[in-house]
Amino acid sequence: MVDDLTEENYKQMNAIRADIKEKREKQATFDNGIKKFLTTVEYAISLPTEDLIGIMDELDLKDVES
């Protein structure tokens, strides 16, 4: 009986570990997405206003032509 309880405990612990690992992987993916977004924002902020306006105009023209 003790062996059955021990085996069940190991199964539960492994399930918990797998769940924790999955959550950490999802969190890491989310964190990487945020880092990429921040890098893009920082790059956009560093551009001169005239360049940003030009890029926005180009994007608007592409949308109209599509």
N, C-alpha and C. Protein backbone atom coordinates (compact mmCIF):
# COMPACT_ATOMS: atom_id res chain seq x y z
N MET A 1 0.83 -1.20 0.00
CA MET A 1 0.00 0.00 0.00
C MET A 1 0.87 1.26 0.00
N VAL A 2 1.93 1.24 0.78
CA VAL A 2 2.83 2.39 0.82
C VAL A 2 3.45 2.62 -0.55
N ASP A 3 3.80 1.53 -1.23
CA ASP A 3 4.37 1.66 -2.57
C ASP A 3 3.38 2.30 -3.54
N ASP A 4 2.11 1.95 -3.41
CA ASP A 4 1.08 2.54 -4.27
C ASP A 4 0.98 4.04 -4.03
N LEU A 5 1.00 4.44 -2.75
CA LEU A 5 0.94 5.87 -2.41
C LEU A 5 2.17 6.60 -2.92
N THR A 6 3.32 6.00 -2.77
CA THR A 6 4.55 6.61 -3.24
C THR A 6 4.53 6.77 -4.76
N GLU A 7 4.08 5.75 -5.44
CA GLU A 7 3.99 5.82 -6.90
C GLU A 7 3.01 6.91 -7.33
N GLU A 8 1.88 7.00 -6.64
CA GLU A 8 0.89 8.03 -6.96
C GLU A 8 1.47 9.42 -6.70
N ASN A 9 2.21 9.56 -5.60
CA ASN A 9 2.85 10.85 -5.30
C ASN A 9 3.84 11.23 -6.40
N TYR A 10 4.63 10.28 -6.86
CA TYR A 10 5.58 10.55 -7.94
C TYR A 10 4.85 10.97 -9.22
N LYS A 11 3.76 10.32 -9.51
CA LYS A 11 2.98 10.69 -10.70
C LYS A 11 2.46 12.12 -10.57
N GLN A 12 1.95 12.46 -9.39
CA GLN A 12 1.43 13.81 -9.17
C GLN A 12 2.56 14.84 -9.24
N MET A 13 3.70 14.52 -8.64
CA MET A 13 4.84 15.44 -8.68
C MET A 13 5.31 15.65 -10.11
N ASN A 14 5.36 14.60 -10.90
CA ASN A 14 5.78 14.73 -12.29
C ASN A 14 4.78 15.56 -13.09
N ALA A 15 3.50 15.38 -12.81
CA ALA A 15 2.48 16.18 -13.49
C ALA A 15 2.63 17.66 -13.13
N ILE A 16 2.89 17.93 -11.86
CA ILE A 16 3.08 19.31 -11.42
C ILE A 16 4.32 19.91 -12.07
N ARG A 17 5.40 19.14 -12.10
CA ARG A 17 6.64 19.63 -12.74
C ARG A 17 6.41 19.92 -14.22
N ALA A 18 5.69 19.06 -14.89
CA ALA A 18 5.41 19.27 -16.32
C ALA A 18 4.58 20.53 -16.51
N ASP A 19 3.62 20.75 -15.63
CA ASP A 19 2.79 21.95 -15.70
C ASP A 19 3.63 23.21 -15.46
N ILE A 20 4.50 23.15 -14.47
CA ILE A 20 5.37 24.30 -14.17
C ILE A 20 6.28 24.59 -15.36
N LYS A 21 6.85 23.54 -15.96
CA LYS A 21 7.73 23.71 -17.11
C LYS A 21 6.98 24.36 -18.27
N GLU A 22 5.76 23.89 -18.52
CA GLU A 22 4.96 24.46 -19.61
C GLU A 22 4.67 25.94 -19.36
N LYS A 23 4.33 26.27 -18.12
CA LYS A 23 4.04 27.68 -17.79
C LYS A 23 5.29 28.54 -17.94
N ARG A 24 6.44 28.02 -17.55
CA ARG A 24 7.69 28.77 -17.70
C ARG A 24 8.01 29.00 -19.17
N GLU A 25 7.79 27.99 -20.00
CA GLU A 25 8.03 28.14 -21.43
C GLU A 25 7.10 29.18 -22.04
N LYS A 26 5.84 29.15 -21.65
CA LYS A 26 4.89 30.15 -22.15
C LYS A 26 5.30 31.55 -21.70
N GLN A 27 5.73 31.67 -20.44
CA GLN A 27 6.16 32.96 -19.92
C GLN A 27 7.39 33.46 -20.66
N ALA A 28 8.33 32.56 -20.96
CA ALA A 28 9.53 32.94 -21.70
C ALA A 28 9.18 33.42 -23.10
N THR A 29 8.25 32.74 -23.75
CA THR A 29 7.80 33.15 -25.08
C THR A 29 7.15 34.52 -25.02
N PHE A 30 6.32 34.75 -24.02
CA PHE A 30 5.66 36.05 -23.84
C PHE A 30 6.70 37.13 -23.58
N ASP A 31 7.67 36.85 -22.70
CA ASP A 31 8.72 37.82 -22.38
C ASP A 31 9.53 38.18 -23.62
N ASN A 32 9.84 37.18 -24.45
CA ASN A 32 10.59 37.45 -25.68
C ASN A 32 9.78 38.32 -26.64
N GLY A 33 8.49 38.09 -26.71
CA GLY A 33 7.62 38.92 -27.54
C GLY A 33 7.61 40.36 -27.07
N ILE A 34 7.56 40.55 -25.76
CA ILE A 34 7.59 41.90 -25.19
C ILE A 34 8.92 42.57 -25.50
N LYS A 35 10.02 41.84 -25.36
CA LYS A 35 11.34 42.40 -25.65
C LYS A 35 11.44 42.85 -27.11
N LYS A 36 10.92 42.02 -28.03
CA LYS A 36 10.95 42.39 -29.44
C LYS A 36 10.10 43.64 -29.69
N PHE A 37 8.95 43.70 -29.05
CA PHE A 37 8.08 44.87 -29.20
C PHE A 37 8.79 46.12 -28.69
N LEU A 38 9.42 46.03 -27.51
CA LEU A 38 10.13 47.18 -26.95
C LEU A 38 11.28 47.61 -27.84
N THR A 39 11.98 46.64 -28.42
CA THR A 39 13.08 46.97 -29.33
C THR A 39 12.54 47.74 -30.54
N THR A 40 11.41 47.30 -31.07
CA THR A 40 10.80 47.98 -32.21
C THR A 40 10.39 49.40 -31.83
N VAL A 41 9.79 49.55 -30.66
CA VAL A 41 9.37 50.87 -30.20
C VAL A 41 10.57 51.78 -29.99
N GLU A 42 11.62 51.24 -29.36
CA GLU A 42 12.82 52.05 -29.14
C GLU A 42 13.43 52.48 -30.47
N TYR A 43 13.43 51.60 -31.45
CA TYR A 43 13.95 51.95 -32.77
C TYR A 43 13.09 53.05 -33.40
N ALA A 44 11.80 52.89 -33.33
CA ALA A 44 10.89 53.88 -33.92
C ALA A 44 11.06 55.24 -33.24
N ILE A 45 11.26 55.23 -31.93
CA ILE A 45 11.44 56.49 -31.20
C ILE A 45 12.74 57.17 -31.61
N SER A 46 13.75 56.38 -31.95
CA SER A 46 15.05 56.95 -32.30
C SER A 46 15.07 57.58 -33.69
N LEU A 47 14.11 57.23 -34.53
CA LEU A 47 14.06 57.79 -35.89
C LEU A 47 13.60 59.24 -35.86
N PRO A 48 14.14 60.06 -36.74
CA PRO A 48 13.64 61.44 -36.85
C PRO A 48 12.17 61.44 -37.28
N THR A 49 11.45 62.43 -36.86
CA THR A 49 10.02 62.53 -37.13
C THR A 49 9.73 62.49 -38.63
N GLU A 50 10.57 63.17 -39.42
CA GLU A 50 10.35 63.21 -40.86
C GLU A 50 10.42 61.80 -41.46
N ASP A 51 11.37 60.99 -40.98
CA ASP A 51 11.48 59.62 -41.48
C ASP A 51 10.25 58.80 -41.11
N LEU A 52 9.76 58.99 -39.90
CA LEU A 52 8.57 58.25 -39.47
C LEU A 52 7.37 58.61 -40.33
N ILE A 53 7.23 59.90 -40.62
CA ILE A 53 6.11 60.35 -41.46
C ILE A 53 6.24 59.74 -42.85
N GLY A 54 7.45 59.72 -43.39
CA GLY A 54 7.68 59.12 -44.71
C GLY A 54 7.33 57.64 -44.73
N ILE A 55 7.74 56.92 -43.69
CA ILE A 55 7.43 55.49 -43.61
C ILE A 55 5.92 55.28 -43.51
N MET A 56 5.26 56.10 -42.70
CA MET A 56 3.80 55.97 -42.55
C MET A 56 3.11 56.25 -43.87
N ASP A 57 3.59 57.26 -44.61
CA ASP A 57 3.00 57.57 -45.92
C ASP A 57 3.19 56.40 -46.88
N GLU A 58 4.39 55.78 -46.87
CA GLU A 58 4.63 54.63 -47.74
C GLU A 58 3.68 53.48 -47.40
N LEU A 59 3.49 53.24 -46.12
CA LEU A 59 2.58 52.16 -45.70
C LEU A 59 1.15 52.46 -46.13
N ASP A 60 0.73 53.72 -46.01
CA ASP A 60 -0.62 54.10 -46.44
C ASP A 60 -0.79 53.88 -47.94
N LEU A 61 0.25 54.22 -48.71
CA LEU A 61 0.16 54.03 -50.16
C LEU A 61 0.08 52.55 -50.51
N LYS A 62 0.82 51.71 -49.81
CA LYS A 62 0.76 50.27 -50.07
C LYS A 62 -0.62 49.72 -49.77
N ASP A 63 -1.25 50.22 -48.70
CA ASP A 63 -2.60 49.76 -48.36
C ASP A 63 -3.60 50.17 -49.44
N VAL A 64 -3.44 51.38 -49.96
CA VAL A 64 -4.37 51.88 -50.98
C VAL A 64 -4.19 51.10 -52.28
N GLU A 65 -2.94 50.78 -52.63
CA GLU A 65 -2.67 50.06 -53.87
C GLU A 65 -3.10 48.60 -53.81
N SER A 66 -3.17 48.03 -52.64
CA SER A 66 -3.49 46.60 -52.51
C SER A 66 -4.92 46.29 -52.79
